[in-house]
Amino acid sequence: MKKIAIEDEIEQYLAGNPAVKEKLADLSKDELAEKVIGRIQAYELEKIRRNKLPDPIEEIQKIMRRRGLTKNDLKGCIGSSGNVCDILARRRPLSLKMIRNLHDFLGISAEVLIQPYEYAKR
């Protein structure tokens, strides 16, 4: 919990919050620089990791093609044929239940399925 508080303080410090600047004033410049650099590195690593994961819908479609599955085959995982079409056409997001079912049925990593992706919000 303390790590999260420190990261929030650094973000507020960088945003120019005077109360936080006073609170962090007793840190040496080296300590403060080390905390800021650590936060930047964590952000960059997260960004790189996120960029390497395939898009969830593209991954579903790729596995469907590879296994010769149809939209009807996904009805057990996603629900009605309308839901399947809406998901594959990006008209609605995957629910947690759908993610679990797709993970079990298709073997797609849950990390791939839970990541944010673009869909048309109604």
N, C-alpha and C. Protein backbone atom coordinates (compact mmCIF):
# COMPACT_ATOMS: atom_id res chain seq x y z
N MET A 1 0.81 -1.20 0.00
CA MET A 1 0.00 0.00 0.00
C MET A 1 0.86 1.26 0.00
N LYS A 2 2.00 1.21 0.67
CA LYS A 2 2.85 2.38 0.74
C LYS A 2 3.40 2.74 -0.64
N LYS A 3 3.70 1.72 -1.47
CA LYS A 3 4.23 1.98 -2.80
C LYS A 3 3.22 2.79 -3.63
N ILE A 4 1.93 2.41 -3.53
CA ILE A 4 0.90 3.12 -4.29
C ILE A 4 0.83 4.57 -3.82
N ALA A 5 0.89 4.78 -2.52
CA ALA A 5 0.84 6.14 -1.99
C ALA A 5 2.02 6.96 -2.49
N ILE A 6 3.19 6.37 -2.51
CA ILE A 6 4.38 7.07 -3.00
C ILE A 6 4.22 7.42 -4.47
N GLU A 7 3.70 6.48 -5.29
CA GLU A 7 3.50 6.76 -6.72
C GLU A 7 2.49 7.89 -6.92
N ASP A 8 1.41 7.89 -6.12
CA ASP A 8 0.43 8.97 -6.22
C ASP A 8 1.06 10.31 -5.85
N GLU A 9 1.90 10.30 -4.82
CA GLU A 9 2.57 11.53 -4.41
C GLU A 9 3.49 12.04 -5.52
N ILE A 10 4.19 11.14 -6.18
CA ILE A 10 5.09 11.55 -7.25
C ILE A 10 4.29 12.17 -8.39
N GLU A 11 3.16 11.55 -8.74
CA GLU A 11 2.33 12.10 -9.81
C GLU A 11 1.84 13.51 -9.42
N GLN A 12 1.42 13.67 -8.18
CA GLN A 12 0.95 14.98 -7.73
C GLN A 12 2.11 15.98 -7.68
N TYR A 13 3.28 15.51 -7.29
CA TYR A 13 4.47 16.36 -7.27
C TYR A 13 4.77 16.87 -8.67
N LEU A 14 4.75 15.95 -9.65
CA LEU A 14 5.03 16.33 -11.03
C LEU A 14 3.95 17.26 -11.59
N ALA A 15 2.72 17.14 -11.07
CA ALA A 15 1.63 18.02 -11.51
C ALA A 15 1.73 19.39 -10.85
N GLY A 16 2.61 19.54 -9.87
CA GLY A 16 2.83 20.85 -9.25
C GLY A 16 2.02 21.10 -8.00
N ASN A 17 1.53 20.06 -7.35
CA ASN A 17 0.76 20.21 -6.12
C ASN A 17 1.68 20.73 -5.02
N PRO A 18 1.41 21.95 -4.51
CA PRO A 18 2.33 22.54 -3.52
C PRO A 18 2.39 21.78 -2.20
N ALA A 19 1.27 21.17 -1.77
CA ALA A 19 1.27 20.43 -0.51
C ALA A 19 2.19 19.21 -0.60
N VAL A 20 2.17 18.56 -1.74
CA VAL A 20 3.01 17.38 -1.93
C VAL A 20 4.46 17.81 -2.08
N LYS A 21 4.69 18.94 -2.73
CA LYS A 21 6.07 19.42 -2.88
C LYS A 21 6.69 19.67 -1.51
N GLU A 22 5.92 20.24 -0.58
CA GLU A 22 6.43 20.46 0.77
C GLU A 22 6.70 19.14 1.47
N LYS A 23 5.80 18.18 1.30
CA LYS A 23 5.94 16.88 1.95
C LYS A 23 7.19 16.14 1.45
N LEU A 24 7.47 16.26 0.16
CA LEU A 24 8.62 15.57 -0.42
C LEU A 24 9.90 16.42 -0.38
N ALA A 25 9.80 17.60 0.21
CA ALA A 25 10.95 18.50 0.24
C ALA A 25 12.10 17.92 1.05
N ASP A 26 11.81 17.05 2.04
CA ASP A 26 12.88 16.50 2.86
C ASP A 26 13.64 15.37 2.16
N LEU A 27 13.15 14.91 1.00
CA LEU A 27 13.90 13.92 0.23
C LEU A 27 15.06 14.62 -0.48
N SER A 28 16.16 13.91 -0.58
CA SER A 28 17.27 14.49 -1.33
C SER A 28 16.90 14.48 -2.82
N LYS A 29 17.59 15.27 -3.59
CA LYS A 29 17.32 15.31 -5.03
C LYS A 29 17.54 13.95 -5.67
N ASP A 30 18.55 13.24 -5.19
CA ASP A 30 18.83 11.90 -5.72
C ASP A 30 17.69 10.93 -5.42
N GLU A 31 17.17 10.98 -4.18
CA GLU A 31 16.06 10.08 -3.81
C GLU A 31 14.82 10.39 -4.64
N LEU A 32 14.53 11.66 -4.79
CA LEU A 32 13.36 12.06 -5.57
C LEU A 32 13.54 11.66 -7.04
N ALA A 33 14.72 11.90 -7.58
CA ALA A 33 14.98 11.51 -8.97
C ALA A 33 14.86 10.01 -9.14
N GLU A 34 15.34 9.25 -8.16
CA GLU A 34 15.26 7.79 -8.23
C GLU A 34 13.79 7.33 -8.24
N LYS A 35 12.96 7.96 -7.43
CA LYS A 35 11.53 7.60 -7.39
C LYS A 35 10.85 7.95 -8.70
N VAL A 36 11.14 9.11 -9.25
CA VAL A 36 10.53 9.53 -10.51
C VAL A 36 10.99 8.62 -11.65
N ILE A 37 12.27 8.31 -11.70
CA ILE A 37 12.80 7.43 -12.74
C ILE A 37 12.18 6.04 -12.64
N GLY A 38 12.02 5.55 -11.42
CA GLY A 38 11.38 4.25 -11.22
C GLY A 38 9.95 4.24 -11.73
N ARG A 39 9.25 5.33 -11.49
CA ARG A 39 7.85 5.44 -11.96
C ARG A 39 7.81 5.47 -13.49
N ILE A 40 8.72 6.18 -14.10
CA ILE A 40 8.77 6.26 -15.57
C ILE A 40 9.11 4.89 -16.16
N GLN A 41 10.06 4.20 -15.55
CA GLN A 41 10.43 2.87 -16.04
C GLN A 41 9.26 1.89 -15.93
N ALA A 42 8.53 1.94 -14.82
CA ALA A 42 7.38 1.05 -14.65
C ALA A 42 6.32 1.35 -15.71
N TYR A 43 6.11 2.63 -15.99
CA TYR A 43 5.14 3.02 -17.02
C TYR A 43 5.57 2.51 -18.39
N GLU A 44 6.83 2.68 -18.73
CA GLU A 44 7.34 2.23 -20.02
C GLU A 44 7.25 0.71 -20.17
N LEU A 45 7.58 -0.02 -19.12
CA LEU A 45 7.49 -1.48 -19.17
C LEU A 45 6.05 -1.93 -19.37
N GLU A 46 5.12 -1.29 -18.68
CA GLU A 46 3.70 -1.62 -18.83
C GLU A 46 3.23 -1.33 -20.25
N LYS A 47 3.68 -0.22 -20.80
CA LYS A 47 3.30 0.16 -22.17
C LYS A 47 3.84 -0.85 -23.18
N ILE A 48 5.08 -1.27 -23.00
CA ILE A 48 5.69 -2.26 -23.90
C ILE A 48 4.96 -3.59 -23.78
N ARG A 49 4.69 -4.02 -22.55
CA ARG A 49 4.01 -5.29 -22.34
C ARG A 49 2.62 -5.28 -22.97
N ARG A 50 1.91 -4.18 -22.80
CA ARG A 50 0.56 -4.07 -23.35
C ARG A 50 0.59 -4.08 -24.88
N ASN A 51 1.59 -3.48 -25.47
CA ASN A 51 1.68 -3.42 -26.93
C ASN A 51 2.02 -4.78 -27.54
N LYS A 52 2.61 -5.68 -26.79
CA LYS A 52 2.98 -6.99 -27.33
C LYS A 52 1.82 -7.97 -27.33
N LEU A 53 0.78 -7.71 -26.55
CA LEU A 53 -0.36 -8.62 -26.50
C LEU A 53 -1.23 -8.43 -27.73
N PRO A 54 -1.72 -9.53 -28.29
CA PRO A 54 -2.60 -9.40 -29.46
C PRO A 54 -3.97 -8.84 -29.06
N ASP A 55 -4.65 -8.26 -30.01
CA ASP A 55 -6.00 -7.76 -29.79
C ASP A 55 -6.91 -8.94 -29.48
N PRO A 56 -7.76 -8.84 -28.46
CA PRO A 56 -8.60 -9.98 -28.07
C PRO A 56 -9.52 -10.49 -29.18
N ILE A 57 -10.16 -9.59 -29.91
CA ILE A 57 -11.10 -10.01 -30.96
C ILE A 57 -10.33 -10.65 -32.12
N GLU A 58 -9.21 -10.06 -32.49
CA GLU A 58 -8.40 -10.65 -33.56
C GLU A 58 -7.90 -12.04 -33.17
N GLU A 59 -7.55 -12.20 -31.89
CA GLU A 59 -7.07 -13.50 -31.42
C GLU A 59 -8.20 -14.54 -31.47
N ILE A 60 -9.40 -14.15 -31.07
CA ILE A 60 -10.55 -15.06 -31.16
C ILE A 60 -10.78 -15.48 -32.60
N GLN A 61 -10.78 -14.51 -33.50
CA GLN A 61 -11.03 -14.80 -34.92
C GLN A 61 -9.92 -15.67 -35.51
N LYS A 62 -8.68 -15.44 -35.11
CA LYS A 62 -7.56 -16.23 -35.61
C LYS A 62 -7.71 -17.69 -35.20
N ILE A 63 -8.06 -17.91 -33.94
CA ILE A 63 -8.22 -19.28 -33.46
C ILE A 63 -9.44 -19.94 -34.11
N MET A 64 -10.49 -19.16 -34.33
CA MET A 64 -11.67 -19.72 -35.02
C MET A 64 -11.28 -20.20 -36.42
N ARG A 65 -10.51 -19.39 -37.15
CA ARG A 65 -10.07 -19.79 -38.50
C ARG A 65 -9.19 -21.03 -38.45
N ARG A 66 -8.24 -21.02 -37.50
CA ARG A 66 -7.30 -22.12 -37.39
C ARG A 66 -8.01 -23.44 -37.08
N ARG A 67 -9.04 -23.40 -36.23
CA ARG A 67 -9.75 -24.62 -35.83
C ARG A 67 -10.98 -24.90 -36.69
N GLY A 68 -11.28 -24.01 -37.63
CA GLY A 68 -12.45 -24.20 -38.48
C GLY A 68 -13.76 -24.02 -37.73
N LEU A 69 -13.77 -23.15 -36.73
CA LEU A 69 -14.97 -22.91 -35.93
C LEU A 69 -15.85 -21.85 -36.59
N THR A 70 -17.14 -21.93 -36.33
CA THR A 70 -18.08 -20.93 -36.84
C THR A 70 -18.59 -20.09 -35.67
N LYS A 71 -19.35 -19.08 -35.99
CA LYS A 71 -19.94 -18.24 -34.94
C LYS A 71 -20.87 -19.06 -34.05
N ASN A 72 -21.55 -20.04 -34.64
CA ASN A 72 -22.43 -20.90 -33.84
C ASN A 72 -21.66 -21.67 -32.78
N ASP A 73 -20.41 -21.99 -33.05
CA ASP A 73 -19.60 -22.72 -32.08
C ASP A 73 -19.31 -21.88 -30.83
N LEU A 74 -19.39 -20.57 -30.96
CA LEU A 74 -19.09 -19.69 -29.82
C LEU A 74 -20.32 -19.37 -28.99
N LYS A 75 -21.49 -19.82 -29.42
CA LYS A 75 -22.72 -19.50 -28.69
C LYS A 75 -22.68 -20.02 -27.26
N GLY A 76 -22.04 -21.15 -27.02
CA GLY A 76 -21.92 -21.67 -25.66
C GLY A 76 -21.05 -20.80 -24.77
N CYS A 77 -20.14 -20.06 -25.36
CA CYS A 77 -19.24 -19.19 -24.59
C CYS A 77 -19.79 -17.79 -24.41
N ILE A 78 -20.44 -17.29 -25.44
CA ILE A 78 -20.82 -15.87 -25.46
C ILE A 78 -22.33 -15.67 -25.27
N GLY A 79 -23.12 -16.60 -25.71
CA GLY A 79 -24.57 -16.45 -25.58
C GLY A 79 -25.23 -16.62 -26.93
N SER A 80 -26.22 -15.81 -27.19
CA SER A 80 -26.98 -15.92 -28.43
C SER A 80 -26.12 -15.60 -29.65
N SER A 81 -26.63 -15.98 -30.82
CA SER A 81 -25.88 -15.68 -32.05
C SER A 81 -25.76 -14.17 -32.25
N GLY A 82 -26.75 -13.42 -31.77
CA GLY A 82 -26.66 -11.95 -31.83
C GLY A 82 -25.51 -11.42 -30.99
N ASN A 83 -25.34 -11.99 -29.81
CA ASN A 83 -24.22 -11.58 -28.94
C ASN A 83 -22.88 -11.90 -29.60
N VAL A 84 -22.80 -13.09 -30.20
CA VAL A 84 -21.55 -13.49 -30.87
C VAL A 84 -21.23 -12.50 -31.98
N CYS A 85 -22.23 -12.17 -32.80
CA CYS A 85 -22.01 -11.21 -33.89
C CYS A 85 -21.61 -9.84 -33.36
N ASP A 86 -22.28 -9.39 -32.29
CA ASP A 86 -21.95 -8.09 -31.70
C ASP A 86 -20.52 -8.05 -31.17
N ILE A 87 -20.09 -9.12 -30.52
CA ILE A 87 -18.72 -9.19 -29.98
C ILE A 87 -17.71 -9.16 -31.12
N LEU A 88 -17.92 -10.03 -32.12
CA LEU A 88 -16.94 -10.12 -33.21
C LEU A 88 -16.93 -8.87 -34.09
N ALA A 89 -18.06 -8.15 -34.13
CA ALA A 89 -18.12 -6.90 -34.89
C ALA A 89 -17.75 -5.69 -34.03
N ARG A 90 -17.36 -5.95 -32.79
CA ARG A 90 -16.93 -4.90 -31.85
C ARG A 90 -18.03 -3.91 -31.51
N ARG A 91 -19.26 -4.39 -31.45
CA ARG A 91 -20.37 -3.53 -31.06
C ARG A 91 -20.64 -3.59 -29.57
N ARG A 92 -20.05 -4.54 -28.88
CA ARG A 92 -20.18 -4.64 -27.43
C ARG A 92 -18.93 -5.30 -26.86
N PRO A 93 -18.63 -5.02 -25.58
CA PRO A 93 -17.42 -5.59 -24.98
C PRO A 93 -17.66 -7.00 -24.44
N LEU A 94 -16.58 -7.70 -24.22
CA LEU A 94 -16.65 -9.00 -23.58
C LEU A 94 -16.96 -8.83 -22.10
N SER A 95 -17.81 -9.67 -21.56
CA SER A 95 -18.07 -9.66 -20.12
C SER A 95 -17.09 -10.60 -19.44
N LEU A 96 -17.02 -10.55 -18.13
CA LEU A 96 -16.12 -11.42 -17.39
C LEU A 96 -16.50 -12.89 -17.62
N LYS A 97 -17.80 -13.18 -17.64
CA LYS A 97 -18.25 -14.55 -17.87
C LYS A 97 -17.82 -15.03 -19.26
N MET A 98 -17.96 -14.17 -20.26
CA MET A 98 -17.55 -14.52 -21.62
C MET A 98 -16.05 -14.78 -21.68
N ILE A 99 -15.29 -13.94 -20.99
CA ILE A 99 -13.83 -14.08 -20.97
C ILE A 99 -13.44 -15.44 -20.37
N ARG A 100 -14.08 -15.79 -19.27
CA ARG A 100 -13.79 -17.09 -18.65
C ARG A 100 -14.13 -18.24 -19.60
N ASN A 101 -15.31 -18.15 -20.23
CA ASN A 101 -15.74 -19.21 -21.14
C ASN A 101 -14.81 -19.33 -22.34
N LEU A 102 -14.43 -18.20 -22.92
CA LEU A 102 -13.53 -18.22 -24.08
C LEU A 102 -12.16 -18.75 -23.70
N HIS A 103 -11.71 -18.39 -22.53
CA HIS A 103 -10.41 -18.90 -22.04
C HIS A 103 -10.45 -20.42 -21.95
N ASP A 104 -11.52 -20.96 -21.38
CA ASP A 104 -11.65 -22.41 -21.24
C ASP A 104 -11.84 -23.10 -22.59
N PHE A 105 -12.68 -22.54 -23.44
CA PHE A 105 -13.03 -23.19 -24.71
C PHE A 105 -11.94 -23.06 -25.77
N LEU A 106 -11.39 -21.86 -25.93
CA LEU A 106 -10.41 -21.62 -26.99
C LEU A 106 -8.97 -21.69 -26.50
N GLY A 107 -8.77 -21.62 -25.19
CA GLY A 107 -7.41 -21.67 -24.65
C GLY A 107 -6.65 -20.37 -24.80
N ILE A 108 -7.36 -19.28 -25.02
CA ILE A 108 -6.72 -17.96 -25.12
C ILE A 108 -6.36 -17.49 -23.72
N SER A 109 -5.19 -16.94 -23.58
CA SER A 109 -4.74 -16.41 -22.30
C SER A 109 -5.74 -15.38 -21.77
N ALA A 110 -6.05 -15.49 -20.48
CA ALA A 110 -6.97 -14.53 -19.87
C ALA A 110 -6.39 -13.11 -19.95
N GLU A 111 -5.07 -13.00 -19.90
CA GLU A 111 -4.43 -11.68 -19.98
C GLU A 111 -4.74 -11.00 -21.31
N VAL A 112 -4.80 -11.79 -22.39
CA VAL A 112 -5.14 -11.25 -23.70
C VAL A 112 -6.60 -10.81 -23.73
N LEU A 113 -7.47 -11.63 -23.17
CA LEU A 113 -8.90 -11.36 -23.23
C LEU A 113 -9.34 -10.20 -22.34
N ILE A 114 -8.67 -9.99 -21.23
CA ILE A 114 -9.13 -8.94 -20.30
C ILE A 114 -8.60 -7.55 -20.64
N GLN A 115 -7.63 -7.46 -21.51
CA GLN A 115 -7.06 -6.15 -21.81
C GLN A 115 -8.09 -5.26 -22.53
N PRO A 116 -7.99 -3.97 -22.36
CA PRO A 116 -8.91 -3.06 -23.04
C PRO A 116 -8.73 -3.13 -24.56
N TYR A 117 -9.81 -2.97 -25.27
CA TYR A 117 -9.76 -2.94 -26.73
C TYR A 117 -10.86 -2.02 -27.23
N GLU A 118 -10.73 -1.61 -28.47
CA GLU A 118 -11.69 -0.67 -29.06
C GLU A 118 -12.97 -1.40 -29.46
N TYR A 119 -14.08 -0.82 -29.07
CA TYR A 119 -15.40 -1.29 -29.50
C TYR A 119 -16.31 -0.09 -29.59
N ALA A 120 -17.36 -0.22 -30.41
CA ALA A 120 -18.28 0.90 -30.62
C ALA A 120 -19.25 0.95 -29.45
N LYS A 121 -19.16 1.97 -28.62
CA LYS A 121 -20.07 2.12 -27.49
C LYS A 121 -21.43 2.58 -27.97
N ARG A 122 -22.45 1.96 -27.42
CA ARG A 122 -23.83 2.29 -27.84
C ARG A 122 -24.31 3.55 -27.17
